[in-house]
């Protein structure tokens, strides 16, 4: 098992399902992502860099794309979500739409690839 899998096993109810779904979309967008830790959080890593993490708090879930720039690119689409430059807060009752998740993850991948000098896998 990995860090993310172990963390998800500690969650229950709607929060667990919502967190699993976000990780599922993240893995869809970056199938080569691996489980590990980033900033002391269980996270998906891409090319050794933090790519995505979801953590449960008492009243919400937080998505961490490990970037201070990614979420700002989508400010016009974040609507009534509570967010700051590195965190997007949501609930199981008010999840982040899949299309927006895919766009956030795609933008983070582009950042990672630019920083690491890696390129997307070609078909």
Protein backbone atom coordinates (compact mmCIF):
# COMPACT_ATOMS: atom_id res chain seq x y z
CA UNK A 1 0.00 0.00 0.00
CA UNK A 2 1.02 3.59 -0.42
CA UNK A 3 0.68 6.80 1.52
CA UNK A 4 -2.52 7.91 -0.23
CA UNK A 5 -4.14 4.49 -0.04
CA UNK A 6 -3.32 4.26 3.67
CA UNK A 7 -4.71 7.75 4.33
CA UNK A 8 -7.93 7.06 2.42
CA UNK A 9 -8.45 3.96 4.57
CA UNK A 10 -8.68 6.24 7.62
CA UNK A 11 -11.58 8.24 6.19
CA UNK A 12 -15.21 7.25 6.27
CA UNK A 13 -18.54 8.18 4.78
CA UNK A 14 -19.08 10.84 2.14
CA UNK A 15 -15.69 12.48 2.75
CA UNK A 16 -13.94 9.23 1.90
CA UNK A 17 -15.86 8.85 -1.35
CA UNK A 18 -15.28 12.49 -2.31
CA UNK A 19 -11.53 12.23 -1.63
CA UNK A 20 -11.26 8.92 -3.52
CA UNK A 21 -13.01 10.51 -6.48
CA UNK A 22 -10.58 13.45 -6.62
CA UNK A 23 -7.62 11.04 -6.51
CA UNK A 24 -9.26 8.95 -9.21
CA UNK A 25 -9.52 11.97 -11.52
CA UNK A 26 -5.92 12.95 -10.68
CA UNK A 27 -4.72 9.45 -11.61
CA UNK A 28 -6.77 9.56 -14.82
CA UNK A 29 -4.97 12.74 -15.86
CA UNK A 30 -1.54 11.48 -14.74
CA UNK A 31 -1.51 7.67 -14.75
CA UNK A 32 2.24 7.68 -13.97
CA UNK A 33 1.72 9.50 -10.65
CA UNK A 34 2.99 7.59 -7.64
CA UNK A 35 2.02 7.66 -3.99
CA UNK A 36 4.29 9.40 -1.53
CA UNK A 37 4.46 12.44 0.71
CA UNK A 38 4.80 16.11 -0.03
CA UNK A 39 4.80 18.82 2.64
CA UNK A 40 4.17 16.01 5.16
CA UNK A 41 0.89 15.07 3.45
CA UNK A 42 0.02 11.81 1.72
CA UNK A 43 0.13 12.85 -1.93
CA UNK A 44 0.42 11.81 -5.51
CA UNK A 45 3.83 12.66 -6.92
CA UNK A 46 4.82 13.23 -10.52
CA UNK A 47 8.50 13.26 -11.49
CA UNK A 48 9.26 13.44 -7.76
CA UNK A 49 7.20 16.61 -7.24
CA UNK A 50 3.96 17.05 -5.32
CA UNK A 51 1.09 16.78 -7.79
CA UNK A 52 -2.11 16.41 -5.76
CA UNK A 53 -3.27 15.82 -2.21
CA UNK A 54 -6.69 15.79 -0.57
CA UNK A 55 -6.98 16.14 3.18
CA UNK A 56 -10.09 16.02 5.34
CA UNK A 57 -10.75 18.68 7.96
CA UNK A 58 -13.65 18.86 10.38
CA UNK A 59 -16.00 20.76 8.06
CA UNK A 60 -14.45 20.41 4.59
CA UNK A 61 -11.97 18.69 2.34
CA UNK A 62 -8.95 20.50 0.93
CA UNK A 63 -7.32 19.95 -2.43
CA UNK A 64 -3.64 20.88 -2.60
CA UNK A 65 -2.14 21.14 -6.10
CA UNK A 66 1.26 22.06 -4.56
CA UNK A 67 1.39 25.30 -6.50
CA UNK A 68 0.78 28.93 -5.72
CA UNK A 69 -0.18 29.71 -9.32
CA UNK A 70 -2.45 26.94 -10.58
CA UNK A 71 -5.69 27.79 -8.80
CA UNK A 72 -5.46 31.49 -9.71
CA UNK A 73 -5.62 30.45 -13.37
CA UNK A 74 -9.15 29.20 -12.72
CA UNK A 75 -10.40 31.98 -10.43
CA UNK A 76 -13.32 32.69 -12.76
CA UNK A 77 -14.43 29.04 -12.49
CA UNK A 78 -14.01 28.58 -8.75
CA UNK A 79 -17.32 30.32 -8.08
CA UNK A 80 -18.40 29.95 -4.49
CA UNK A 81 -15.61 27.57 -3.48
CA UNK A 82 -13.39 28.82 -0.68
CA UNK A 83 -9.85 28.96 -1.98
CA UNK A 84 -6.45 30.51 -1.50
CA UNK A 85 -3.40 30.38 -3.73
CA UNK A 86 -2.47 26.84 -2.66
CA UNK A 87 -5.69 25.29 -1.37
CA UNK A 88 -9.18 24.65 -2.69
CA UNK A 89 -11.75 23.77 -0.03
CA UNK A 90 -14.88 21.79 -0.88
CA UNK A 91 -17.32 19.36 0.68
CA UNK A 92 -18.77 16.02 -0.31
CA UNK A 93 -22.09 17.84 -0.80
CA UNK A 94 -20.44 20.50 -2.98
CA UNK A 95 -17.67 18.69 -4.91
CA UNK A 96 -15.34 20.23 -7.46
CA UNK A 97 -16.65 19.46 -10.97
CA UNK A 98 -14.62 16.83 -12.83
CA UNK A 99 -13.85 19.16 -15.73
CA UNK A 100 -12.36 21.74 -13.37
CA UNK A 101 -10.37 19.04 -11.56
CA UNK A 102 -8.95 17.82 -14.87
CA UNK A 103 -7.98 21.36 -15.83
CA UNK A 104 -6.32 22.00 -12.44
CA UNK A 105 -4.37 18.74 -12.69
CA UNK A 106 -3.37 19.40 -16.31
CA UNK A 107 -2.07 22.85 -15.35
CA UNK A 108 -0.08 21.35 -12.47
CA UNK A 109 1.43 18.75 -14.78
CA UNK A 110 2.55 21.52 -17.14
CA UNK A 111 4.23 23.31 -14.21
CA UNK A 112 6.00 20.16 -13.08
CA UNK A 113 7.18 19.35 -16.58
CA UNK A 114 8.47 22.90 -17.06
CA UNK A 115 10.37 22.77 -13.75
CA UNK A 116 11.80 19.28 -14.23
CA UNK A 117 12.45 19.48 -17.95
CA UNK A 118 10.33 16.40 -18.55
CA UNK A 119 7.93 16.01 -21.41
CA UNK A 120 4.58 14.24 -21.61
CA UNK A 121 4.75 10.61 -22.71
CA UNK A 122 4.00 10.31 -26.41
CA UNK A 123 1.56 7.79 -27.83
